[in-house]
PDB file of N, CA and C in Angstrom:
ATOM      1  N   UNK A   1      10.298-108.253 -38.721  1.00  0.00           N
ATOM      2  CA  UNK A   1       9.221-107.287 -38.646  1.00  0.00           C
ATOM      3  C   UNK A   1       9.404-106.283 -39.775  1.00  0.00           C
ATOM      4  N   UNK A   2       8.380-106.083 -40.560  1.00  0.00           N
ATOM      5  CA  UNK A   2       8.486-105.133 -41.664  1.00  0.00           C
ATOM      6  C   UNK A   2       7.789-103.826 -41.313  1.00  0.00           C
ATOM      7  N   UNK A   3       8.240-102.795 -41.973  1.00  0.00           N
ATOM      8  CA  UNK A   3       7.678-101.466 -41.758  1.00  0.00           C
ATOM      9  C   UNK A   3       6.629-101.215 -42.832  1.00  0.00           C
ATOM     10  N   UNK A   4       5.442-100.759 -42.442  1.00  0.00           N
ATOM     11  CA  UNK A   4       4.418-100.498 -43.456  1.00  0.00           C
ATOM     12  C   UNK A   4       4.852 -99.359 -44.369  1.00  0.00           C
ATOM     13  N   UNK A   5       4.438 -99.404 -45.639  1.00  0.00           N
ATOM     14  CA  UNK A   5       4.832 -98.342 -46.557  1.00  0.00           C
ATOM     15  C   UNK A   5       4.276 -96.989 -46.139  1.00  0.00           C
ATOM     16  N   UNK A   6       5.061 -95.976 -46.383  1.00  0.00           N
ATOM     17  CA  UNK A   6       4.636 -94.598 -46.129  1.00  0.00           C
ATOM     18  C   UNK A   6       3.545 -94.262 -47.144  1.00  0.00           C
ATOM     19  N   UNK A   7       2.370 -93.798 -46.695  1.00  0.00           N
ATOM     20  CA  UNK A   7       1.283 -93.531 -47.640  1.00  0.00           C
ATOM     21  C   UNK A   7       1.617 -92.432 -48.647  1.00  0.00           C
ATOM     22  N   UNK A   8       2.544 -91.545 -48.293  1.00  0.00           N
ATOM     23  CA  UNK A   8       2.903 -90.470 -49.218  1.00  0.00           C
ATOM     24  C   UNK A   8       3.957 -90.946 -50.207  1.00  0.00           C
ATOM     25  N   UNK A   9       4.989 -91.662 -49.707  1.00  0.00           N
ATOM     26  CA  UNK A   9       6.093 -92.091 -50.557  1.00  0.00           C
ATOM     27  C   UNK A   9       5.886 -93.471 -51.145  1.00  0.00           C
ATOM     28  N   UNK A  10       5.099 -94.293 -50.545  1.00  0.00           N
ATOM     29  CA  UNK A  10       4.944 -95.654 -51.025  1.00  0.00           C
ATOM     30  C   UNK A  10       6.138 -96.497 -50.624  1.00  0.00           C
ATOM     31  N   UNK A  11       6.405 -97.554 -51.378  1.00  0.00           N
ATOM     32  CA  UNK A  11       7.498 -98.455 -51.039  1.00  0.00           C
ATOM     33  C   UNK A  11       8.764 -98.155 -51.820  1.00  0.00           C
ATOM     34  N   UNK A  12       8.689 -97.329 -52.846  1.00  0.00           N
ATOM     35  CA  UNK A  12       9.852 -97.022 -53.663  1.00  0.00           C
ATOM     36  C   UNK A  12      10.463 -95.701 -53.217  1.00  0.00           C
ATOM     37  N   UNK A  13      11.730 -95.734 -52.795  1.00  0.00           N
ATOM     38  CA  UNK A  13      12.402 -94.523 -52.330  1.00  0.00           C
ATOM     39  C   UNK A  13      13.013 -93.717 -53.467  1.00  0.00           C
ATOM     40  N   UNK A  14      12.971 -94.243 -54.695  1.00  0.00           N
ATOM     41  CA  UNK A  14      13.587 -93.546 -55.823  1.00  0.00           C
ATOM     42  C   UNK A  14      12.863 -92.243 -56.117  1.00  0.00           C
ATOM     43  N   UNK A  15      13.653 -91.178 -56.255  1.00  0.00           N
ATOM     44  CA  UNK A  15      13.122 -89.882 -56.667  1.00  0.00           C
ATOM     45  C   UNK A  15      14.007 -89.413 -57.810  1.00  0.00           C
ATOM     46  N   UNK A  16      13.403 -89.058 -58.918  1.00  0.00           N
ATOM     47  CA  UNK A  16      14.187 -88.645 -60.080  1.00  0.00           C
ATOM     48  C   UNK A  16      14.923 -87.336 -59.807  1.00  0.00           C
ATOM     49  N   UNK A  17      15.980 -87.118 -60.553  1.00  0.00           N
ATOM     50  CA  UNK A  17      16.739 -85.872 -60.431  1.00  0.00           C
ATOM     51  C   UNK A  17      15.852 -84.681 -60.731  1.00  0.00           C
ATOM     52  N   UNK A  18      15.044 -84.791 -61.762  1.00  0.00           N
ATOM     53  CA  UNK A  18      14.134 -83.697 -62.107  1.00  0.00           C
ATOM     54  C   UNK A  18      13.199 -83.362 -60.950  1.00  0.00           C
ATOM     55  N   UNK A  19      12.713 -84.395 -60.275  1.00  0.00           N
ATOM     56  CA  UNK A  19      11.807 -84.170 -59.147  1.00  0.00           C
ATOM     57  C   UNK A  19      12.537 -83.511 -57.976  1.00  0.00           C
ATOM     58  N   UNK A  20      13.772 -83.942 -57.702  1.00  0.00           N
ATOM     59  CA  UNK A  20      14.550 -83.316 -56.628  1.00  0.00           C
ATOM     60  C   UNK A  20      14.815 -81.845 -56.930  1.00  0.00           C
ATOM     61  N   UNK A  21      15.141 -81.544 -58.178  1.00  0.00           N
ATOM     62  CA  UNK A  21      15.374 -80.156 -58.587  1.00  0.00           C
ATOM     63  C   UNK A  21      14.105 -79.343 -58.394  1.00  0.00           C
ATOM     64  N   UNK A  22      12.979 -79.905 -58.787  1.00  0.00           N
ATOM     65  CA  UNK A  22      11.701 -79.202 -58.641  1.00  0.00           C
ATOM     66  C   UNK A  22      11.387 -78.948 -57.174  1.00  0.00           C
ATOM     67  N   UNK A  23      11.573 -79.958 -56.331  1.00  0.00           N
ATOM     68  CA  UNK A  23      11.262 -79.828 -54.901  1.00  0.00           C
ATOM     69  C   UNK A  23      12.132 -78.775 -54.220  1.00  0.00           C
ATOM     70  N   UNK A  24      13.383 -78.694 -54.629  1.00  0.00           N
ATOM     71  CA  UNK A  24      14.307 -77.742 -54.001  1.00  0.00           C
ATOM     72  C   UNK A  24      14.292 -76.376 -54.675  1.00  0.00           C
ATOM     73  N   UNK A  25      13.509 -76.268 -55.719  1.00  0.00           N
ATOM     74  CA  UNK A  25      13.395 -74.999 -56.465  1.00  0.00           C
ATOM     75  C   UNK A  25      14.764 -74.484 -56.903  1.00  0.00           C
ATOM     76  N   UNK A  26      15.551 -75.385 -57.483  1.00  0.00           N
ATOM     77  CA  UNK A  26      16.881 -75.027 -57.961  1.00  0.00           C
ATOM     78  C   UNK A  26      16.737 -74.337 -59.316  1.00  0.00           C
ATOM     79  N   UNK A  27      17.304 -73.141 -59.450  1.00  0.00           N
ATOM     80  CA  UNK A  27      17.175 -72.431 -60.725  1.00  0.00           C
ATOM     81  C   UNK A  27      18.032 -73.092 -61.803  1.00  0.00           C
ATOM     82  N   UNK A  28      17.647 -72.949 -63.059  1.00  0.00           N
ATOM     83  CA  UNK A  28      18.441 -73.542 -64.143  1.00  0.00           C
ATOM     84  C   UNK A  28      19.794 -72.841 -64.274  1.00  0.00           C
ATOM     85  N   UNK A  29      20.780 -73.578 -64.785  1.00  0.00           N
ATOM     86  CA  UNK A  29      22.091 -72.991 -65.037  1.00  0.00           C
ATOM     87  C   UNK A  29      21.999 -72.085 -66.251  1.00  0.00           C
ATOM     88  N   UNK A  30      22.614 -70.932 -66.144  1.00  0.00           N
ATOM     89  CA  UNK A  30      22.641 -70.005 -67.272  1.00  0.00           C
ATOM     90  C   UNK A  30      23.998 -70.010 -67.962  1.00  0.00           C
ATOM     91  N   UNK A  31      25.047 -70.411 -67.217  1.00  0.00           N
ATOM     92  CA  UNK A  31      26.382 -70.533 -67.802  1.00  0.00           C
ATOM     93  C   UNK A  31      27.205 -71.482 -66.937  1.00  0.00           C
ATOM     94  N   UNK A  32      28.348 -71.896 -67.454  1.00  0.00           N
ATOM     95  CA  UNK A  32      29.224 -72.777 -66.679  1.00  0.00           C
ATOM     96  C   UNK A  32      29.769 -72.080 -65.443  1.00  0.00           C
ATOM     97  N   UNK A  33      29.791 -70.758 -65.454  1.00  0.00           N
ATOM     98  CA  UNK A  33      30.241 -70.015 -64.276  1.00  0.00           C
ATOM     99  C   UNK A  33      29.347 -70.271 -63.069  1.00  0.00           C
ATOM    100  N   UNK A  34      28.105 -70.683 -63.307  1.00  0.00           N
ATOM    101  CA  UNK A  34      27.194 -71.005 -62.208  1.00  0.00           C
ATOM    102  C   UNK A  34      27.684 -72.209 -61.407  1.00  0.00           C
ATOM    103  N   UNK A  35      28.565 -73.016 -61.999  1.00  0.00           N
ATOM    104  CA  UNK A  35      29.060 -74.219 -61.333  1.00  0.00           C
ATOM    105  C   UNK A  35      30.319 -73.973 -60.510  1.00  0.00           C
ATOM    106  N   UNK A  36      30.927 -72.817 -60.658  1.00  0.00           N
ATOM    107  CA  UNK A  36      32.170 -72.548 -59.936  1.00  0.00           C
ATOM    108  C   UNK A  36      31.883 -72.171 -58.490  1.00  0.00           C
ATOM    109  N   UNK A  37      32.797 -72.565 -57.631  1.00  0.00           N
ATOM    110  CA  UNK A  37      32.691 -72.259 -56.203  1.00  0.00           C
ATOM    111  C   UNK A  37      34.037 -71.776 -55.713  1.00  0.00           C
ATOM    112  N   UNK A  38      34.020 -70.996 -54.671  1.00  0.00           N
ATOM    113  CA  UNK A  38      35.268 -70.616 -54.025  1.00  0.00           C
ATOM    114  C   UNK A  38      35.872 -71.849 -53.375  1.00  0.00           C
ATOM    115  N   UNK A  39      37.171 -71.861 -53.250  1.00  0.00           N
ATOM    116  CA  UNK A  39      37.866 -72.967 -52.610  1.00  0.00           C
ATOM    117  C   UNK A  39      37.423 -73.054 -51.151  1.00  0.00           C
ATOM    118  N   UNK A  40      36.947 -74.213 -50.697  1.00  0.00           N
ATOM    119  CA  UNK A  40      36.479 -74.328 -49.311  1.00  0.00           C
ATOM    120  C   UNK A  40      37.622 -74.321 -48.289  1.00  0.00           C
ATOM    121  N   UNK A  41      38.862 -74.460 -48.762  1.00  0.00           N
ATOM    122  CA  UNK A  41      40.008 -74.497 -47.856  1.00  0.00           C
ATOM    123  C   UNK A  41      40.810 -73.212 -48.007  1.00  0.00           C
ATOM    124  N   UNK A  42      41.262 -72.683 -46.883  1.00  0.00           N
ATOM    125  CA  UNK A  42      42.019 -71.431 -46.892  1.00  0.00           C
ATOM    126  C   UNK A  42      43.452 -71.608 -47.381  1.00  0.00           C
ATOM    127  N   UNK A  43      43.974 -72.835 -47.285  1.00  0.00           N
ATOM    128  CA  UNK A  43      45.365 -73.061 -47.683  1.00  0.00           C
ATOM    129  C   UNK A  43      45.545 -74.518 -48.094  1.00  0.00           C
ATOM    130  N   UNK A  44      46.679 -74.788 -48.751  1.00  0.00           N
ATOM    131  CA  UNK A  44      47.013 -76.165 -49.106  1.00  0.00           C
ATOM    132  C   UNK A  44      47.223 -77.005 -47.853  1.00  0.00           C
ATOM    133  N   UNK A  45      47.745 -76.381 -46.808  1.00  0.00           N
ATOM    134  CA  UNK A  45      47.972 -77.098 -45.552  1.00  0.00           C
ATOM    135  C   UNK A  45      46.647 -77.536 -44.924  1.00  0.00           C
ATOM    136  N   UNK A  46      45.660 -76.661 -44.974  1.00  0.00           N
ATOM    137  CA  UNK A  46      44.344 -77.007 -44.429  1.00  0.00           C
ATOM    138  C   UNK A  46      43.729 -78.164 -45.219  1.00  0.00           C
ATOM    139  N   UNK A  47      43.900 -78.142 -46.536  1.00  0.00           N
ATOM    140  CA  UNK A  47      43.401 -79.221 -47.390  1.00  0.00           C
ATOM    141  C   UNK A  47      44.114 -80.535 -47.056  1.00  0.00           C
ATOM    142  N   UNK A  48      45.434 -80.478 -46.899  1.00  0.00           N
ATOM    143  CA  UNK A  48      46.206 -81.674 -46.557  1.00  0.00           C
ATOM    144  C   UNK A  48      45.778 -82.228 -45.201  1.00  0.00           C
ATOM    145  N   UNK A  49      45.524 -81.347 -44.240  1.00  0.00           N
ATOM    146  CA  UNK A  49      45.054 -81.781 -42.920  1.00  0.00           C
ATOM    147  C   UNK A  49      43.692 -82.473 -43.028  1.00  0.00           C
ATOM    148  N   UNK A  50      42.813 -81.919 -43.847  1.00  0.00           N
ATOM    149  CA  UNK A  50      41.503 -82.529 -44.064  1.00  0.00           C
ATOM    150  C   UNK A  50      41.657 -83.935 -44.638  1.00  0.00           C
ATOM    151  N   UNK A  51      42.517 -84.073 -45.660  1.00  0.00           N
ATOM    152  CA  UNK A  51      42.715 -85.389 -46.272  1.00  0.00           C
ATOM    153  C   UNK A  51      43.316 -86.382 -45.290  1.00  0.00           C
ATOM    154  N   UNK A  52      44.292 -85.941 -44.489  1.00  0.00           N
ATOM    155  CA  UNK A  52      44.877 -86.833 -43.476  1.00  0.00           C
ATOM    156  C   UNK A  52      43.808 -87.342 -42.521  1.00  0.00           C
ATOM    157  N   UNK A  53      42.973 -86.432 -42.041  1.00  0.00           N
ATOM    158  CA  UNK A  53      41.906 -86.813 -41.116  1.00  0.00           C
ATOM    159  C   UNK A  53      40.916 -87.766 -41.788  1.00  0.00           C
ATOM    160  N   UNK A  54      40.574 -87.479 -43.030  1.00  0.00           N
ATOM    161  CA  UNK A  54      39.647 -88.340 -43.771  1.00  0.00           C
ATOM    162  C   UNK A  54      40.206 -89.751 -43.913  1.00  0.00           C
ATOM    163  N   UNK A  55      41.467 -89.848 -44.354  1.00  0.00           N
ATOM    164  CA  UNK A  55      42.080 -91.160 -44.537  1.00  0.00           C
ATOM    165  C   UNK A  55      42.243 -91.891 -43.210  1.00  0.00           C
ATOM    166  N   UNK A  56      42.625 -91.179 -42.155  1.00  0.00           N
ATOM    167  CA  UNK A  56      42.755 -91.805 -40.834  1.00  0.00           C
ATOM    168  C   UNK A  56      41.416 -92.358 -40.360  1.00  0.00           C
ATOM    169  N   UNK A  57      40.360 -91.604 -40.572  1.00  0.00           N
ATOM    170  CA  UNK A  57      39.020 -92.043 -40.174  1.00  0.00           C
ATOM    171  C   UNK A  57      38.605 -93.287 -40.947  1.00  0.00           C
ATOM    172  N   UNK A  58      38.884 -93.298 -42.242  1.00  0.00           N
ATOM    173  CA  UNK A  58      38.532 -94.470 -43.063  1.00  0.00           C
ATOM    174  C   UNK A  58      39.327 -95.693 -42.644  1.00  0.00           C
ATOM    175  N   UNK A  59      40.613 -95.510 -42.390  1.00  0.00           N
ATOM    176  CA  UNK A  59      41.436 -96.651 -41.957  1.00  0.00           C
ATOM    177  C   UNK A  59      40.953 -97.184 -40.609  1.00  0.00           C
ATOM    178  N   UNK A  60      40.573 -96.301 -39.708  1.00  0.00           N
ATOM    179  CA  UNK A  60      40.111 -96.717 -38.383  1.00  0.00           C
ATOM    180  C   UNK A  60      38.802 -97.492 -38.474  1.00  0.00           C
ATOM    181  N   UNK A  61      37.949 -97.126 -39.430  1.00  0.00           N
ATOM    182  CA  UNK A  61      36.654 -97.804 -39.532  1.00  0.00           C
ATOM    183  C   UNK A  61      36.778 -99.177 -40.182  1.00  0.00           C
ATOM    184  N   UNK A  62      37.881 -99.445 -40.886  1.00  0.00           N
ATOM    185  CA  UNK A  62      38.057-100.755 -41.512  1.00  0.00           C
ATOM    186  C   UNK A  62      38.902-101.688 -40.658  1.00  0.00           C
ATOM    187  N   UNK A  63      39.457-101.171 -39.575  1.00  0.00           N
ATOM    188  CA  UNK A  63      40.325-101.993 -38.712  1.00  0.00           C
ATOM    189  C   UNK A  63      39.510-102.856 -37.786  1.00  0.00           C
TER     190      UNK A  63
END
């Protein structure tokens, strides 16, 4: 059973990067500092715990 194409999107799900930027109203970069972010982890231990959980989850899904 096939799904009829969406009349707005059609059958092609591809959306260009430029179009996504336009839709989300993302402002242009003014400097490389615009790309920097604060560290999402409070400590190296928290980061290590995140990685352990990530790897455990991946291993469990392939078993």
